[in-house]
Amino acid sequence: MVGEDLRQGRLVRLLPDWHISTIQLQAVYPANRHIAVKVRRFVSFLAGKLRT
C-alpha cells in the first residue's frame, strides 16, 4: 500500500527489521437476506486489495 511512497522517499522506514505477520480478515453478513450492492462491492473491493 505504501511501496511507491517508500520508493519515492515520501515515507521513511523507521524499523526496517520489523515486519508484521499476516492477519485474517473476514466479512460477516447474514446469508439469508438480500445483500445491498454497496456491501457486495465493498467486500469485493477489499478482497481484491488485500489478497496476497
N, C-alpha and C. Protein backbone atom coordinates (compact mmCIF):
# COMPACT_ATOMS: atom_id res chain seq x y z
N MET A 1 0.81 -1.19 0.00
CA MET A 1 0.00 0.00 0.00
C MET A 1 0.86 1.26 0.00
N VAL A 2 2.01 1.21 0.60
CA VAL A 2 2.85 2.40 0.69
C VAL A 2 4.18 2.22 -0.04
N GLY A 3 4.28 1.16 -0.81
CA GLY A 3 5.54 0.86 -1.50
C GLY A 3 6.03 1.99 -2.37
N GLU A 4 5.14 2.60 -3.14
CA GLU A 4 5.54 3.70 -4.02
C GLU A 4 6.02 4.89 -3.22
N ASP A 5 5.35 5.20 -2.12
CA ASP A 5 5.78 6.31 -1.27
C ASP A 5 7.15 6.05 -0.66
N LEU A 6 7.43 4.82 -0.29
CA LEU A 6 8.75 4.47 0.22
C LEU A 6 9.81 4.63 -0.86
N ARG A 7 9.51 4.13 -2.07
CA ARG A 7 10.47 4.23 -3.18
C ARG A 7 10.76 5.69 -3.54
N GLN A 8 9.74 6.54 -3.49
CA GLN A 8 9.90 7.95 -3.85
C GLN A 8 10.50 8.79 -2.72
N GLY A 9 10.65 8.20 -1.53
CA GLY A 9 11.24 8.93 -0.42
C GLY A 9 10.26 9.81 0.35
N ARG A 10 8.97 9.69 0.04
CA ARG A 10 7.97 10.48 0.77
C ARG A 10 7.73 9.90 2.15
N LEU A 11 8.00 8.63 2.31
CA LEU A 11 7.92 7.95 3.61
C LEU A 11 9.27 7.33 3.90
N VAL A 12 9.60 7.23 5.17
CA VAL A 12 10.87 6.65 5.59
C VAL A 12 10.56 5.47 6.52
N ARG A 13 11.20 4.34 6.26
CA ARG A 13 11.02 3.17 7.10
C ARG A 13 11.74 3.38 8.42
N LEU A 14 11.00 3.37 9.53
CA LEU A 14 11.59 3.62 10.84
C LEU A 14 12.20 2.37 11.48
N LEU A 15 11.57 1.24 11.30
CA LEU A 15 12.05 -0.01 11.89
C LEU A 15 12.24 -1.04 10.77
N PRO A 16 13.32 -0.96 10.02
CA PRO A 16 13.48 -1.80 8.83
C PRO A 16 13.53 -3.30 9.11
N ASP A 17 13.91 -3.70 10.30
CA ASP A 17 14.00 -5.13 10.61
C ASP A 17 12.71 -5.69 11.19
N TRP A 18 11.70 -4.86 11.38
CA TRP A 18 10.45 -5.30 11.98
C TRP A 18 9.41 -5.50 10.89
N HIS A 19 8.73 -6.65 10.91
CA HIS A 19 7.69 -6.97 9.94
C HIS A 19 6.47 -7.49 10.68
N ILE A 20 5.29 -7.14 10.20
CA ILE A 20 4.09 -7.68 10.81
C ILE A 20 3.75 -9.00 10.13
N SER A 21 3.11 -9.86 10.88
CA SER A 21 2.68 -11.12 10.30
C SER A 21 1.35 -10.89 9.57
N THR A 22 0.97 -11.82 8.76
CA THR A 22 -0.29 -11.69 8.05
C THR A 22 -1.45 -11.83 9.04
N ILE A 23 -2.55 -11.18 8.70
CA ILE A 23 -3.73 -11.26 9.53
C ILE A 23 -4.87 -11.86 8.73
N GLN A 24 -5.84 -12.40 9.42
CA GLN A 24 -7.01 -12.95 8.77
C GLN A 24 -8.15 -11.95 8.95
N LEU A 25 -8.78 -11.56 7.86
CA LEU A 25 -9.87 -10.60 7.89
C LEU A 25 -11.09 -11.28 7.29
N GLN A 26 -12.22 -11.14 7.96
CA GLN A 26 -13.44 -11.78 7.49
C GLN A 26 -14.56 -10.76 7.40
N ALA A 27 -15.39 -10.90 6.38
CA ALA A 27 -16.60 -10.08 6.25
C ALA A 27 -17.76 -10.96 6.69
N VAL A 28 -18.52 -10.49 7.66
CA VAL A 28 -19.64 -11.27 8.19
C VAL A 28 -20.93 -10.53 7.92
N TYR A 29 -21.85 -11.21 7.27
CA TYR A 29 -23.15 -10.62 6.99
C TYR A 29 -24.15 -11.76 6.85
N PRO A 30 -25.45 -11.50 7.07
CA PRO A 30 -26.45 -12.57 7.04
C PRO A 30 -26.58 -13.18 5.64
N ALA A 31 -26.54 -14.48 5.58
CA ALA A 31 -26.61 -15.17 4.29
C ALA A 31 -28.04 -15.30 3.79
N ASN A 32 -29.00 -15.19 4.66
CA ASN A 32 -30.38 -15.42 4.24
C ASN A 32 -31.14 -14.16 3.86
N ARG A 33 -30.43 -13.03 3.72
CA ARG A 33 -31.06 -11.76 3.35
C ARG A 33 -30.41 -11.20 2.09
N HIS A 34 -31.13 -10.32 1.44
CA HIS A 34 -30.57 -9.64 0.27
C HIS A 34 -29.44 -8.72 0.74
N ILE A 35 -28.29 -8.87 0.14
CA ILE A 35 -27.14 -8.04 0.48
C ILE A 35 -27.11 -6.84 -0.46
N ALA A 36 -27.02 -5.65 0.11
CA ALA A 36 -27.01 -4.44 -0.70
C ALA A 36 -25.82 -4.46 -1.65
N VAL A 37 -26.02 -3.89 -2.83
CA VAL A 37 -24.98 -3.83 -3.84
C VAL A 37 -23.73 -3.13 -3.28
N LYS A 38 -23.94 -2.08 -2.50
CA LYS A 38 -22.80 -1.36 -1.91
C LYS A 38 -21.96 -2.28 -1.04
N VAL A 39 -22.61 -3.12 -0.27
CA VAL A 39 -21.89 -4.04 0.62
C VAL A 39 -21.12 -5.06 -0.20
N ARG A 40 -21.75 -5.65 -1.19
CA ARG A 40 -21.08 -6.64 -2.04
C ARG A 40 -19.89 -6.03 -2.75
N ARG A 41 -20.04 -4.83 -3.27
CA ARG A 41 -18.93 -4.17 -3.97
C ARG A 41 -17.79 -3.83 -3.02
N PHE A 42 -18.14 -3.39 -1.81
CA PHE A 42 -17.11 -3.07 -0.83
C PHE A 42 -16.33 -4.31 -0.43
N VAL A 43 -17.03 -5.42 -0.19
CA VAL A 43 -16.36 -6.68 0.16
C VAL A 43 -15.48 -7.14 -1.00
N SER A 44 -15.97 -7.05 -2.21
CA SER A 44 -15.17 -7.43 -3.38
C SER A 44 -13.95 -6.53 -3.54
N PHE A 45 -14.12 -5.24 -3.32
CA PHE A 45 -13.02 -4.29 -3.40
C PHE A 45 -11.94 -4.65 -2.39
N LEU A 46 -12.34 -4.85 -1.14
CA LEU A 46 -11.37 -5.19 -0.09
C LEU A 46 -10.68 -6.53 -0.39
N ALA A 47 -11.45 -7.50 -0.85
CA ALA A 47 -10.85 -8.81 -1.16
C ALA A 47 -9.79 -8.65 -2.25
N GLY A 48 -10.05 -7.84 -3.24
CA GLY A 48 -9.08 -7.63 -4.30
C GLY A 48 -7.84 -6.89 -3.82
N LYS A 49 -8.01 -5.90 -2.96
CA LYS A 49 -6.89 -5.11 -2.45
C LYS A 49 -6.04 -5.87 -1.45
N LEU A 50 -6.67 -6.71 -0.65
CA LEU A 50 -5.96 -7.37 0.44
C LEU A 50 -5.49 -8.77 0.11
N ARG A 51 -5.84 -9.26 -1.07
CA ARG A 51 -5.43 -10.62 -1.45
C ARG A 51 -3.92 -10.69 -1.56
N THR A 52 -3.35 -11.76 -1.02
CA THR A 52 -1.90 -11.91 -1.08
C THR A 52 -1.50 -12.96 -2.08
